[in-house]
Every structure is written in C-alpha cells, then in structure tokens.
Protein backbone atom coordinates (compact mmCIF):
# COMPACT_ATOMS: atom_id res chain seq x y z
CA MET A 1 83.37 305.37 175.64
CA TYR A 2 82.96 302.29 176.46
CA THR A 3 84.69 299.44 174.53
CA PRO A 4 84.02 295.55 175.84
CA GLY A 5 86.76 293.45 177.66
CA LYS A 6 88.18 296.56 178.98
CA ARG A 7 88.03 297.95 183.18
CA GLY A 8 87.20 301.18 185.08
CA GLU A 9 86.32 302.92 182.44
CA ALA A 10 83.44 305.24 183.16
CA TRP A 11 80.21 305.14 180.89
CA LEU A 12 78.72 307.99 179.92
CA GLY A 13 75.60 309.07 179.40
CA GLU A 14 72.34 310.55 181.60
CA ILE A 15 72.43 308.99 185.22
CA LYS A 16 68.92 308.42 185.33
CA HIS A 17 66.73 307.69 189.12
CA THR A 18 65.08 304.64 190.51
CA THR A 19 63.94 303.92 193.94
CA VAL A 20 63.82 300.29 194.91
CA SER A 21 60.97 298.69 196.99
CA ALA A 22 60.56 294.94 197.24
CA ARG A 23 58.84 292.08 199.44
CA TYR A 24 60.46 288.78 200.45
CA ASN A 25 61.19 285.84 198.86
CA ALA A 26 60.55 286.56 194.93
CA THR A 27 62.13 287.73 192.32
CA ARG A 28 61.26 291.57 191.01
CA VAL A 29 62.31 293.88 188.74
CA LEU A 30 64.74 296.79 189.56
CA ILE A 31 65.18 298.55 186.47
CA ALA A 32 63.25 297.57 183.21
CA ALA A 33 65.23 295.89 180.92
CA VAL A 34 65.97 299.06 177.77
CA ALA A 35 66.23 296.87 174.30
CA GLY A 36 69.69 296.63 172.76
CA LYS A 37 71.12 299.09 175.84
CA ARG A 38 73.41 297.51 179.40
CA LEU A 39 71.76 298.71 182.45
CA VAL A 40 74.33 300.41 184.56
CA VAL A 41 73.90 301.66 188.42
CA VAL A 42 77.03 303.45 189.18
CA ALA A 43 75.44 304.88 192.34
CA ALA A 44 72.85 303.42 195.38
CA SER A 45 71.65 302.80 199.10
CA ILE A 46 69.47 300.23 199.80
CA ILE A 47 67.76 299.14 203.47
CA CYS A 48 66.51 296.76 205.09
CA SER A 49 63.53 296.81 206.82
CA GLY A 50 61.10 294.72 209.27
CA LEU A 51 62.37 291.47 209.79
CA VAL A 52 61.38 289.47 212.76
CA ALA A 53 65.05 287.90 212.86
CA GLY A 54 68.24 286.49 210.83
CA THR A 55 68.88 288.13 207.45
CA MET A 56 67.77 288.78 203.89
CA ASP A 57 69.35 287.22 201.30
CA ALA A 58 69.46 288.78 198.08
CA VAL A 59 71.40 289.00 194.68
CA PHE A 60 71.54 290.93 192.29
CA LYS A 61 70.58 289.73 187.84
CA SER A 62 70.75 290.53 184.39
CA GLY A 63 68.11 288.97 183.62
CA THR A 64 68.10 285.78 185.54
CA THR A 65 72.51 285.75 185.13
CA ALA A 66 73.29 286.05 189.28
CA LEU A 67 75.32 289.50 188.75
CA SER A 68 76.37 288.80 192.77
CA GLY A 69 76.43 286.12 195.56
CA THR A 70 74.70 286.16 197.80
CA ILE A 71 74.56 289.47 200.35
CA GLN A 72 73.27 289.00 204.04
CA ILE A 73 71.12 291.31 205.40
CA ALA A 74 70.25 292.40 208.85
CA ASN A 75 67.68 293.86 210.09
CA ALA A 76 68.06 297.66 209.72
CA GLU A 77 71.47 297.12 207.39
CA GLN A 78 72.43 299.85 205.56
CA ILE A 79 74.27 298.82 201.53
CA GLY A 80 76.05 302.47 200.20
CA LEU A 81 77.74 302.63 196.64
CA GLU A 82 79.31 305.15 195.82
CA PHE A 83 79.85 306.49 193.52
CA ASN A 84 81.61 304.91 191.04
CA PRO A 85 81.44 305.49 187.04
CA ALA A 86 82.54 302.20 185.94
CA GLY A 87 79.53 301.03 187.83
CA TRP A 88 78.92 298.11 190.52
CA LEU A 89 76.24 296.34 188.36
CA VAL A 90 76.65 296.19 185.21
CA THR A 91 73.36 293.52 182.83
CA ALA A 92 74.06 292.16 180.25
CA ALA A 93 72.30 294.12 176.85
CA GLY A 94 68.85 294.53 176.64
CA GLU A 95 67.73 292.28 180.26
CA ALA A 96 66.89 293.89 183.13
CA LEU A 97 68.11 294.77 186.47
CA ASN A 98 66.96 292.73 188.78
CA VAL A 99 67.10 290.76 193.11
CA THR A 100 66.18 288.26 194.26
CA LEU A 101 65.32 288.19 197.49
CA GLY A 102 64.72 284.93 200.49
CA ASN A 103 65.78 283.59 203.08
CA ASP A 104 62.51 285.72 205.05
CA THR A 105 59.13 285.67 205.14
CA SER A 106 59.24 289.43 206.81
CA GLY A 107 61.90 292.21 205.02
CA HIS A 108 61.23 294.30 203.42
CA LEU A 109 64.52 296.04 200.23
CA SER A 110 63.97 299.73 199.64
CA GLY A 111 66.43 302.26 198.38
CA TRP A 112 66.91 303.79 195.36
CA LEU A 113 69.51 303.50 192.37
CA ARG A 114 71.06 305.71 190.45
CA TYR A 115 71.86 304.21 187.17
CA VAL A 116 72.83 304.76 183.03
CA GLU A 117 71.99 303.19 179.71
CA ALA A 118 74.97 301.70 178.65
C-alpha cells in the first residue's frame, strides 16, 4: 500500500487503459478525475504526428499543476514508458490528468496510457 512521502512503492489496484488523442494549442483531459482518487500512470506510448515543421510542446498536469516540464516532441517521435509500478505521473486526489499542447498549429498527439486509480 502506498504511503504519501514514500518513493518507489508499487500502487495497488486494477490497471486501466485509455487512448490519447489531443490536438495542438489546447489543454485536453487525458484521464477524467475520480473523486478521492489519484491517477497513477504506470505505462504509456505516445506519438506526435502531423507537424508541418518544428516540435510540439507538451506539459502533463494534475488539474492545472504541472507534473512534467515542457517536453518537446518532433514529428513521428514516439515516447514509450515501460511498466513502472511506482508510477510515471501521479495526480493529486480528485484531479484529472491533463496535457497542455503548444508551439504548433498542426500537430496531433496520440497513443495510449495504462493507469491505476489509487
């Protein structure tokens, strides 16, 4: 069982799956908030497509609080996160997992996330 403040422990619970589909220059909900639960991303595969030039900037968030710095993703670049029972991204309880995309007028982020509600 996870205790706040401890690092590296596994999150226990049913692993769920969702798809990722987000367009440029907006904040999109990737996983809807669940009352009283944290959303813990334990694996992911994300790819950027459709860029005319340059890179797409992505920031993953718990509600409006950043969980990552700005990640620059080039066209056809894929981000793969292998299964990590401690979680790659963890939201605050009751907050959605969002992504804010910017620095582009044509790109699309797609893929999948595996997560646990804890």
